[in-house]
Amino acid sequence: MHDFAQSARLATLALRDLFDPTPLQRNDHLSARYGAEIWLKREDLAPVRSYKIRGAVNAMRKVRGHNPGQGQFVCASAGNHAQGVAFACRHFGVRGTIFMPVTTPQQKIDKTRIFGGDSVDIVLTGDYFDQTLAAAQKFCADQGAHFLSPFDDPDVIEGQASVAVEIMEQLGRAPDLVVLPVGGGGLASGVTGYLRQVAPEAAFRFVEPLGGASLTAALASGGPTTIPKINSFVDGAAVARLGACTFEMLKGVNPAHVLLAPEDRICVTMLEMLNVEGIVLEPAGALSLDVLPELAEQIAGKTVVCVTSGGNFDFERLPEVKERAQRYAGLKKYFILRMPQRPGALKEFLMMLGPDDDIARFEYLKKSARNFGSVLIGIETKSAENFRQLYVTMDSAGFAYRDITADEALAEFLI
C-alpha cells in the first residue's frame, strides 16, 4: 500500500535543500477575538510567496528520479504556479517553458523571470487561460516535454502535503481544526491526506471563493464539474473545475464543511490583516481567515490552524480592494439621483448629508432635460447606519433616487 504520509515526509525533507519551513505563528489579535488558539501557517512567506513552490519542486524531483533524461518542463499559469515552476527549473538546472495569457500583469511576468533566470522561457499567448493551456499542451506534445499541472498531479499533491508535515512538527501536536483554501484542490488534498493518516482526530473546513466554487460543484454532482462562469478576482483560487486526482482525495468531504467567501468580504479581511497585523495577503491567501466569523462558535477554546496560502498582491489593486471592502461593509454607496433643474436644488441635497458623510463621486449623467437631470453620486460614511438616516431624509424631501451599489451591470459601466 502506498504510504502517503511517508512520501510527504520525504518530499518535505527534499525541500530543505531550498528553504526552511515557513513560520507557524500564533496570532494574538485573532486568538483574543475568537477565544481560541489561532495559528497562521504563513505560506505567504515561502520563497515565491506561496505554497506552490512545494508541489512544483516535488513533481520535478519525482519526474527526474524516474526519468533522469527529462530536462524540459512546461506549465500554463498566470500566477503562483508559474513562479514555483520557474524557481524549481533554476534549482534543478532544467529548461522550463512557461505559458501565460497575454493579459498577465507585467509584475507577474517579471517575477517569474527573476525566479527562473536563464532557465525559463516565457510565452505569452491567448486572451483566456483555456487558450493558454491548449497552447502549452500542444507544445508539450510537439517537444516531448513534461507538463506540470498546478494541482491535478499526485506528485504535486504530495509536495503540497509538506505544509501539513511542517504544521505537525512546529505545533508538536495535532490541531483541532485546519482551515484550508481551495482552488483546484492540490493544497487541500495534500494536507488532508497527510493529517488523516497521522492525526485522524484533526477536523477540517474548506473555503472557496463564492465566484469559483469548484469543490462545492464537484461534491454536488459526484465528480469534477466545469463551472460555466467564474469570478476571477480571487485569481489564486478561482478555478472552474476541480482536478480529477484532487477529487479522489476530497470526495468524502462533508459539503457542510465547505464554506463560500464572497469576493467583496475577502477584501475586508485583506485590509484588516494589512492595517492591523501588517500582513500582506493576496485574495486567495485571505480565504482561510475570511470565514473565521462563521466558525466563531465552533472554534472557541480550540487550536485552529489557518493556512495563509499566498502573498503575491499587486499594490496597484489596493484602491479596488478598498472600494470593494467599503461597499461590502456598507460604508460606501452609489446612487443615481434625479436632481430638479432649479437653483438651490443641489444645495438642498448637500444639506441632507450628515457630518460623517463625504461625497466621493459626483457626475451629471444627463442634464439636457428641462425639469430634472440624472446625477451619479458616490457617498462614503463612517457608519453604515448613517445611510438609513439619509434615505429617510431624501424620501421626506421627495428626492427620487436609485441605489446602484449592488447592480453589477450598471456598476460595471458607471462606477
Protein backbone atom coordinates (compact mmCIF):
# COMPACT_ATOMS: atom_id res chain seq x y z
CA MET A 1 0.00 0.00 0.00
CA HIS A 2 1.25 3.45 -0.90
CA ASP A 3 2.22 5.27 2.29
CA PHE A 4 1.19 8.83 1.55
CA ALA A 5 2.46 10.13 4.90
CA GLN A 6 5.94 8.70 4.37
CA SER A 7 6.09 10.13 0.83
CA ALA A 8 5.04 13.53 2.17
CA ARG A 9 7.82 13.42 4.77
CA LEU A 10 10.38 12.60 2.08
CA ALA A 11 9.06 15.47 -0.04
CA THR A 12 9.41 17.80 2.95
CA LEU A 13 12.99 16.65 3.51
CA ALA A 14 13.85 17.39 -0.12
CA LEU A 15 12.50 20.93 0.22
CA ARG A 16 15.04 21.70 2.94
CA ASP A 17 17.65 22.00 0.19
CA LEU A 18 15.77 25.09 -0.98
CA PHE A 19 14.20 26.79 2.02
CA ASP A 20 13.45 26.48 5.73
CA PRO A 21 9.93 25.64 6.93
CA THR A 22 7.54 28.57 6.62
CA PRO A 23 6.57 30.01 10.04
CA LEU A 24 3.62 28.77 12.07
CA GLN A 25 2.68 31.83 14.10
CA ARG A 26 0.15 32.24 16.88
CA ASN A 27 -1.89 35.34 16.08
CA ASP A 28 -2.73 37.22 19.28
CA HIS A 29 -5.23 39.54 17.58
CA LEU A 30 -7.39 36.74 16.17
CA SER A 31 -6.90 34.46 19.18
CA ALA A 32 -8.26 37.16 21.51
CA ARG A 33 -11.19 37.91 19.19
CA TYR A 34 -12.38 34.30 18.97
CA GLY A 35 -11.30 32.97 22.37
CA ALA A 36 -9.22 30.33 20.61
CA GLU A 37 -5.63 29.47 19.74
CA ILE A 38 -5.42 30.77 16.17
CA TRP A 39 -2.23 29.85 14.34
CA LEU A 40 -1.31 31.07 10.86
CA LYS A 41 0.73 28.82 8.59
CA ARG A 42 2.50 31.57 6.67
CA GLU A 43 2.83 30.21 3.14
CA ASP A 44 2.88 33.86 2.03
CA LEU A 45 6.47 33.84 3.37
CA ALA A 46 7.68 31.00 1.14
CA PRO A 47 10.41 31.93 -1.40
CA VAL A 48 7.87 32.61 -4.16
CA ARG A 49 5.35 33.94 -1.60
CA SER A 50 3.04 30.95 -1.97
CA TYR A 51 2.95 27.22 -1.26
CA LYS A 52 3.04 26.43 -4.99
CA ILE A 53 6.80 26.03 -4.91
CA ARG A 54 6.33 22.84 -2.87
CA GLY A 55 4.33 20.90 -5.44
CA ALA A 56 6.41 22.14 -8.37
CA VAL A 57 9.71 21.12 -6.77
CA ASN A 58 8.42 17.74 -5.64
CA ALA A 59 6.89 16.88 -9.02
CA MET A 60 10.07 17.86 -10.83
CA ARG A 61 12.15 15.84 -8.35
CA LYS A 62 9.98 12.75 -8.85
CA VAL A 63 9.91 13.01 -12.65
CA ARG A 64 13.70 13.34 -12.82
CA GLY A 65 14.04 10.40 -10.43
CA HIS A 66 12.04 8.18 -12.79
CA ASN A 67 13.49 9.70 -15.97
CA PRO A 68 16.84 11.44 -15.39
CA GLY A 69 16.98 12.47 -19.04
CA GLN A 70 13.87 14.63 -18.80
CA GLY A 71 15.26 18.13 -18.97
CA GLN A 72 12.33 20.12 -20.29
CA PHE A 73 9.23 21.11 -18.33
CA VAL A 74 6.18 23.15 -19.26
CA CYS A 75 3.38 24.82 -17.35
CA ALA A 76 0.49 27.15 -18.05
CA SER A 77 -0.10 29.72 -15.33
CA ALA A 78 -0.51 33.44 -14.80
CA GLY A 79 0.42 33.37 -11.15
CA ASN A 80 1.94 31.47 -8.26
CA HIS A 81 2.36 28.12 -10.05
CA ALA A 82 4.42 29.80 -12.78
CA GLN A 83 6.75 31.29 -10.18
CA GLY A 84 7.08 27.95 -8.37
CA VAL A 85 7.92 26.12 -11.59
CA ALA A 86 10.43 28.81 -12.57
CA PHE A 87 12.15 28.51 -9.18
CA ALA A 88 12.25 24.71 -9.48
CA CYS A 89 13.70 24.83 -13.01
CA ARG A 90 16.57 27.01 -11.87
CA HIS A 91 17.17 24.76 -8.83
CA PHE A 92 17.33 21.55 -10.89
CA GLY A 93 19.13 23.14 -13.84
CA VAL A 94 16.45 22.17 -16.39
CA ARG A 95 14.67 24.13 -19.11
CA GLY A 96 11.23 25.48 -18.40
CA THR A 97 8.73 26.97 -20.82
CA ILE A 98 6.03 28.89 -19.05
CA PHE A 99 2.90 29.83 -20.97
CA MET A 100 0.99 32.85 -19.72
CA PRO A 101 -2.08 34.67 -21.05
CA VAL A 102 -1.33 37.86 -22.99
CA THR A 103 -3.32 39.73 -20.33
CA THR A 104 -0.94 38.71 -17.49
CA PRO A 105 0.20 41.78 -15.48
CA GLN A 106 3.82 42.73 -16.18
CA GLN A 107 4.67 42.40 -12.48
CA LYS A 108 3.89 38.65 -12.56
CA ILE A 109 5.86 38.16 -15.77
CA ASP A 110 8.87 39.95 -14.28
CA LYS A 111 8.75 37.97 -11.03
CA THR A 112 8.56 34.67 -12.91
CA ARG A 113 11.57 35.67 -14.99
CA ILE A 114 13.51 36.65 -11.85
CA PHE A 115 12.84 33.30 -10.17
CA GLY A 116 13.69 31.28 -13.29
CA GLY A 117 16.61 33.32 -14.61
CA ASP A 118 18.16 31.85 -17.74
CA SER A 119 16.42 28.52 -17.12
CA VAL A 120 12.99 29.60 -18.33
CA ASP A 121 11.32 30.95 -21.44
CA ILE A 122 8.05 32.82 -21.06
CA VAL A 123 5.50 32.55 -23.86
CA LEU A 124 2.58 34.98 -23.83
CA THR A 125 -0.34 33.54 -25.75
CA GLY A 126 -4.14 33.56 -25.55
CA ASP A 127 -6.51 36.10 -24.09
CA TYR A 128 -8.06 33.47 -21.80
CA PHE A 129 -6.45 30.75 -19.74
CA ASP A 130 -8.08 27.91 -21.69
CA GLN A 131 -6.32 29.14 -24.84
CA THR A 132 -3.03 29.40 -22.96
CA LEU A 133 -3.42 25.88 -21.59
CA ALA A 134 -4.16 24.43 -25.03
CA ALA A 135 -1.03 26.05 -26.45
CA ALA A 136 1.09 24.71 -23.58
CA GLN A 137 -0.20 21.17 -24.00
CA LYS A 138 0.38 21.25 -27.78
CA PHE A 139 3.94 22.47 -27.18
CA CYS A 140 4.45 19.57 -24.74
CA ALA A 141 3.28 17.03 -27.29
CA ASP A 142 5.48 18.52 -30.03
CA GLN A 143 8.62 18.82 -27.90
CA GLY A 144 8.35 15.73 -25.69
CA ALA A 145 8.39 17.97 -22.60
CA HIS A 146 6.76 17.15 -19.27
CA PHE A 147 3.64 19.14 -18.37
CA LEU A 148 3.49 20.21 -14.74
CA SER A 149 -0.12 20.62 -13.61
CA PRO A 150 -0.76 23.25 -10.92
CA PHE A 151 -2.81 20.78 -8.84
CA ASP A 152 -4.08 17.70 -10.69
CA ASP A 153 -0.99 15.55 -10.24
CA PRO A 154 -0.21 13.05 -7.42
CA ASP A 155 3.36 14.35 -7.12
CA VAL A 156 2.16 17.95 -6.83
CA ILE A 157 -0.37 16.92 -4.16
CA GLU A 158 2.37 15.06 -2.30
CA GLY A 159 4.53 18.19 -2.37
CA GLN A 160 1.74 20.37 -1.01
CA ALA A 161 1.32 17.86 1.84
CA SER A 162 4.64 19.16 3.19
CA VAL A 163 2.61 22.05 4.62
CA ALA A 164 0.91 19.56 6.96
CA VAL A 165 4.20 17.82 7.82
CA GLU A 166 5.60 21.16 8.98
CA ILE A 167 2.45 22.06 10.92
CA MET A 168 2.69 18.85 12.96
CA GLU A 169 6.41 19.34 13.62
CA GLN A 170 6.01 23.01 14.58
CA LEU A 171 2.90 22.67 16.72
CA GLY A 172 4.07 19.47 18.35
CA ARG A 173 0.54 18.08 18.38
CA ALA A 174 -2.50 17.79 16.15
CA PRO A 175 -4.60 20.94 15.78
CA ASP A 176 -8.32 20.65 16.50
CA LEU A 177 -9.18 22.28 13.18
CA VAL A 178 -7.35 23.21 9.99
CA VAL A 179 -8.91 25.81 7.68
CA LEU A 180 -7.83 25.40 4.06
CA PRO A 181 -8.40 27.49 0.93
CA VAL A 182 -9.50 25.54 -2.15
CA GLY A 183 -8.87 26.32 -5.82
CA GLY A 184 -8.08 23.22 -7.82
CA GLY A 185 -7.73 21.22 -4.61
CA GLY A 186 -4.00 20.44 -4.52
CA LEU A 187 -3.25 22.00 -1.14
CA ALA A 188 -6.46 20.70 0.45
CA SER A 189 -5.79 17.17 -0.87
CA GLY A 190 -2.21 17.11 0.37
CA VAL A 191 -2.89 18.48 3.84
CA THR A 192 -5.96 16.32 4.49
CA GLY A 193 -4.26 13.25 3.02
CA TYR A 194 -1.36 13.57 5.45
CA LEU A 195 -3.29 14.51 8.57
CA ARG A 196 -5.91 11.80 8.09
CA GLN A 197 -3.08 9.30 8.40
CA VAL A 198 -1.04 10.83 11.22
CA ALA A 199 -3.69 12.85 13.10
CA PRO A 200 -7.15 11.44 12.34
CA GLU A 201 -8.60 13.49 15.20
CA ALA A 202 -7.99 16.75 13.31
CA ALA A 203 -11.04 18.30 11.65
CA PHE A 204 -11.12 20.43 8.51
CA ARG A 205 -13.01 23.31 6.98
CA PHE A 206 -12.57 24.27 3.35
CA VAL A 207 -13.04 27.73 1.88
CA GLU A 208 -13.77 28.61 -1.73
CA PRO A 209 -14.40 31.99 -3.35
CA LEU A 210 -18.11 32.41 -4.00
CA GLY A 211 -17.43 33.00 -7.69
CA GLY A 212 -15.30 29.89 -8.14
CA ALA A 213 -16.76 27.11 -6.01
CA SER A 214 -15.33 24.10 -7.87
CA LEU A 215 -15.26 21.75 -4.85
CA THR A 216 -18.86 22.59 -3.99
CA ALA A 217 -19.90 21.84 -7.58
CA ALA A 218 -17.94 18.57 -7.66
CA LEU A 219 -19.40 17.30 -4.37
CA ALA A 220 -22.92 18.16 -5.55
CA SER A 221 -22.58 16.29 -8.84
CA GLY A 222 -20.40 13.40 -7.72
CA GLY A 223 -17.39 14.38 -9.81
CA PRO A 224 -15.41 17.32 -11.21
CA THR A 225 -17.78 19.72 -12.93
CA THR A 226 -16.92 22.76 -15.02
CA ILE A 227 -18.41 25.97 -13.64
CA PRO A 228 -19.78 27.90 -16.65
CA LYS A 229 -18.77 31.31 -15.34
CA ILE A 230 -16.25 32.20 -12.67
CA ASN A 231 -15.33 35.44 -10.93
CA SER A 232 -11.57 35.81 -11.42
CA PHE A 233 -11.00 38.33 -8.60
CA VAL A 234 -9.57 35.64 -6.29
CA ASP A 235 -7.12 34.70 -9.02
CA GLY A 236 -5.18 32.23 -6.88
CA ALA A 237 -8.26 30.09 -6.22
CA ALA A 238 -10.83 30.92 -8.90
CA VAL A 239 -10.72 27.56 -10.68
CA ALA A 240 -13.53 26.48 -12.98
CA ARG A 241 -13.03 22.75 -12.47
CA LEU A 242 -11.63 20.70 -9.59
CA GLY A 243 -8.94 18.21 -10.56
CA ALA A 244 -9.70 14.51 -11.05
CA CYS A 245 -6.87 13.47 -8.71
CA THR A 246 -7.83 16.04 -6.10
CA PHE A 247 -11.48 14.99 -6.23
CA GLU A 248 -10.48 11.39 -5.47
CA MET A 249 -8.91 12.63 -2.24
CA LEU A 250 -11.68 15.09 -1.36
CA LYS A 251 -14.82 13.24 -2.46
CA GLY A 252 -15.59 12.19 1.10
CA VAL A 253 -15.71 15.78 2.36
CA ASN A 254 -18.98 16.78 4.04
CA PRO A 255 -20.47 19.54 1.84
CA ALA A 256 -21.46 21.37 5.02
CA HIS A 257 -17.75 21.77 5.78
CA VAL A 258 -17.14 23.73 2.56
CA LEU A 259 -17.69 27.45 3.12
CA LEU A 260 -18.05 30.13 0.45
CA ALA A 261 -16.39 33.52 0.79
CA PRO A 262 -17.90 36.50 -1.10
CA GLU A 263 -15.22 38.35 -3.04
CA ASP A 264 -16.03 41.74 -1.51
CA ARG A 265 -15.92 40.33 2.03
CA ILE A 266 -12.45 38.91 1.32
CA CYS A 267 -11.37 42.50 0.64
CA VAL A 268 -12.44 43.47 4.17
CA THR A 269 -10.28 40.64 5.56
CA MET A 270 -7.30 41.62 3.41
CA LEU A 271 -7.45 45.24 4.58
CA GLU A 272 -7.81 44.23 8.23
CA MET A 273 -4.76 41.96 8.07
CA LEU A 274 -2.78 44.70 6.34
CA ASN A 275 -3.83 47.52 8.67
CA VAL A 276 -3.88 45.64 11.98
CA GLU A 277 -1.19 43.00 11.53
CA GLY A 278 0.94 44.35 8.69
CA ILE A 279 0.44 41.09 6.78
CA VAL A 280 0.12 41.35 3.01
CA LEU A 281 -2.17 38.66 1.62
CA GLU A 282 -3.45 38.11 -1.89
CA PRO A 283 -7.20 37.37 -2.13
CA ALA A 284 -6.67 33.58 -2.12
CA GLY A 285 -4.30 33.94 0.83
CA ALA A 286 -7.03 35.56 2.92
CA LEU A 287 -9.68 32.87 2.34
CA SER A 288 -8.96 30.82 5.46
CA LEU A 289 -9.18 33.91 7.69
CA ASP A 290 -12.27 35.29 6.00
CA VAL A 291 -14.56 32.54 7.34
CA LEU A 292 -13.49 32.73 10.99
CA PRO A 293 -16.57 34.79 11.97
CA GLU A 294 -18.79 31.97 10.63
CA LEU A 295 -16.82 29.43 12.66
CA ALA A 296 -16.68 31.52 15.86
CA GLU A 297 -18.99 29.29 17.94
CA GLN A 298 -17.28 26.09 16.75
CA ILE A 299 -13.70 27.17 17.43
CA ALA A 300 -13.96 28.75 20.90
CA GLY A 301 -11.32 27.19 23.15
CA LYS A 302 -9.79 25.17 20.31
CA THR A 303 -6.50 25.13 18.46
CA VAL A 304 -7.05 26.28 14.88
CA VAL A 305 -4.54 26.48 12.05
CA CYS A 306 -5.38 28.74 9.11
CA VAL A 307 -3.21 28.37 6.02
CA THR A 308 -2.46 31.80 4.54
CA SER A 309 -1.66 30.41 1.13
CA GLY A 310 -0.13 33.36 -0.69
CA GLY A 311 1.02 36.96 -0.53
CA ASN A 312 1.54 37.87 -4.18
CA PHE A 313 -0.52 41.02 -4.06
CA ASP A 314 -0.02 43.81 -6.57
CA PHE A 315 -0.48 47.07 -4.65
CA GLU A 316 -1.91 48.68 -7.78
CA ARG A 317 -5.02 46.65 -6.87
CA LEU A 318 -5.27 48.26 -3.42
CA PRO A 319 -7.74 51.00 -4.47
CA GLU A 320 -10.04 48.30 -5.89
CA VAL A 321 -9.73 46.21 -2.73
CA LYS A 322 -10.54 49.23 -0.55
CA GLU A 323 -13.51 50.14 -2.75
CA ARG A 324 -14.95 46.61 -2.60
CA ALA A 325 -14.38 46.40 1.15
CA GLN A 326 -16.20 49.69 1.78
CA ARG A 327 -19.13 48.62 -0.36
CA TYR A 328 -19.40 45.25 1.39
CA ALA A 329 -19.25 46.89 4.82
CA GLY A 330 -22.00 49.32 3.81
CA LEU A 331 -19.71 52.33 4.19
CA LYS A 332 -19.87 53.40 0.55
CA LYS A 333 -22.84 53.54 -1.77
CA TYR A 334 -23.59 54.79 -5.24
CA PHE A 335 -26.86 56.37 -6.29
CA ILE A 336 -28.44 57.72 -9.42
CA LEU A 337 -30.20 60.80 -8.13
CA ARG A 338 -32.97 62.61 -10.01
CA MET A 339 -31.99 66.20 -9.44
CA PRO A 340 -34.52 69.01 -10.03
CA GLN A 341 -33.11 71.52 -12.52
CA ARG A 342 -33.64 74.66 -10.47
CA PRO A 343 -31.41 76.99 -8.46
CA GLY A 344 -30.75 75.73 -4.94
CA ALA A 345 -31.62 72.05 -5.59
CA LEU A 346 -28.04 70.86 -5.24
CA LYS A 347 -27.56 72.89 -2.08
CA GLU A 348 -30.72 71.32 -0.62
CA PHE A 349 -29.33 67.87 -1.28
CA LEU A 350 -25.93 68.68 0.22
CA MET A 351 -27.68 69.89 3.41
CA MET A 352 -29.18 66.40 3.79
CA LEU A 353 -25.77 64.82 4.30
CA GLY A 354 -24.64 64.13 7.84
CA PRO A 355 -21.37 65.26 9.44
CA ASP A 356 -19.68 61.90 8.67
CA ASP A 357 -20.90 61.69 5.06
CA ASP A 358 -18.48 62.51 2.28
CA ILE A 359 -19.07 62.79 -1.47
CA ALA A 360 -16.59 60.53 -3.27
CA ARG A 361 -18.08 60.85 -6.78
CA PHE A 362 -20.35 63.39 -8.44
CA GLU A 363 -21.15 63.32 -12.13
CA TYR A 364 -24.04 64.58 -14.22
CA LEU A 365 -25.21 61.73 -16.45
CA LYS A 366 -27.92 63.72 -18.19
CA LYS A 367 -28.73 67.37 -17.85
CA SER A 368 -30.48 68.14 -21.13
CA ALA A 369 -33.98 67.63 -19.69
CA ARG A 370 -35.74 70.84 -18.73
CA ASN A 371 -37.09 69.77 -15.33
CA PHE A 372 -34.78 67.07 -13.99
CA GLY A 373 -31.23 65.76 -14.51
CA SER A 374 -29.67 62.43 -13.55
CA VAL A 375 -26.66 62.53 -11.27
CA LEU A 376 -24.29 59.68 -10.36
CA ILE A 377 -23.22 60.22 -6.79
CA GLY A 378 -20.94 58.17 -4.57
CA ILE A 379 -21.08 58.68 -0.80
CA GLU A 380 -18.68 57.41 1.88
CA THR A 381 -19.54 57.44 5.55
CA LYS A 382 -18.11 56.21 8.86
CA SER A 383 -21.05 54.03 9.88
CA ALA A 384 -23.44 52.02 7.74
CA GLU A 385 -26.29 53.29 9.95
CA ASN A 386 -25.83 56.78 8.51
CA PHE A 387 -27.33 55.69 5.21
CA ARG A 388 -30.63 54.84 6.91
CA GLN A 389 -30.97 58.43 8.05
CA LEU A 390 -30.02 59.68 4.58
CA TYR A 391 -32.74 57.53 2.98
CA VAL A 392 -35.33 58.93 5.39
CA THR A 393 -34.24 62.50 4.72
CA MET A 394 -34.24 62.09 0.93
CA ASP A 395 -37.64 60.34 0.98
CA SER A 396 -39.22 63.06 3.10
CA ALA A 397 -37.82 65.76 0.80
CA GLY A 398 -39.21 63.99 -2.27
CA PHE A 399 -35.85 63.33 -3.92
CA ALA A 400 -36.06 60.39 -6.35
CA TYR A 401 -33.01 58.12 -6.21
CA ARG A 402 -31.86 54.62 -7.05
CA ASP A 403 -29.18 52.71 -5.13
CA ILE A 404 -26.99 51.02 -7.76
CA THR A 405 -24.22 49.79 -5.40
CA ALA A 406 -25.12 46.13 -5.90
CA ASP A 407 -26.24 46.44 -9.53
CA GLU A 408 -23.40 44.67 -11.35
CA ALA A 409 -24.45 45.72 -14.84
CA LEU A 410 -24.77 49.43 -14.03
CA ALA A 411 -21.74 49.43 -11.73
CA GLU A 412 -19.57 47.96 -14.47
CA PHE A 413 -20.36 50.86 -16.79
CA LEU A 414 -20.73 53.75 -14.38
CA ILE A 415 -18.52 53.19 -11.34
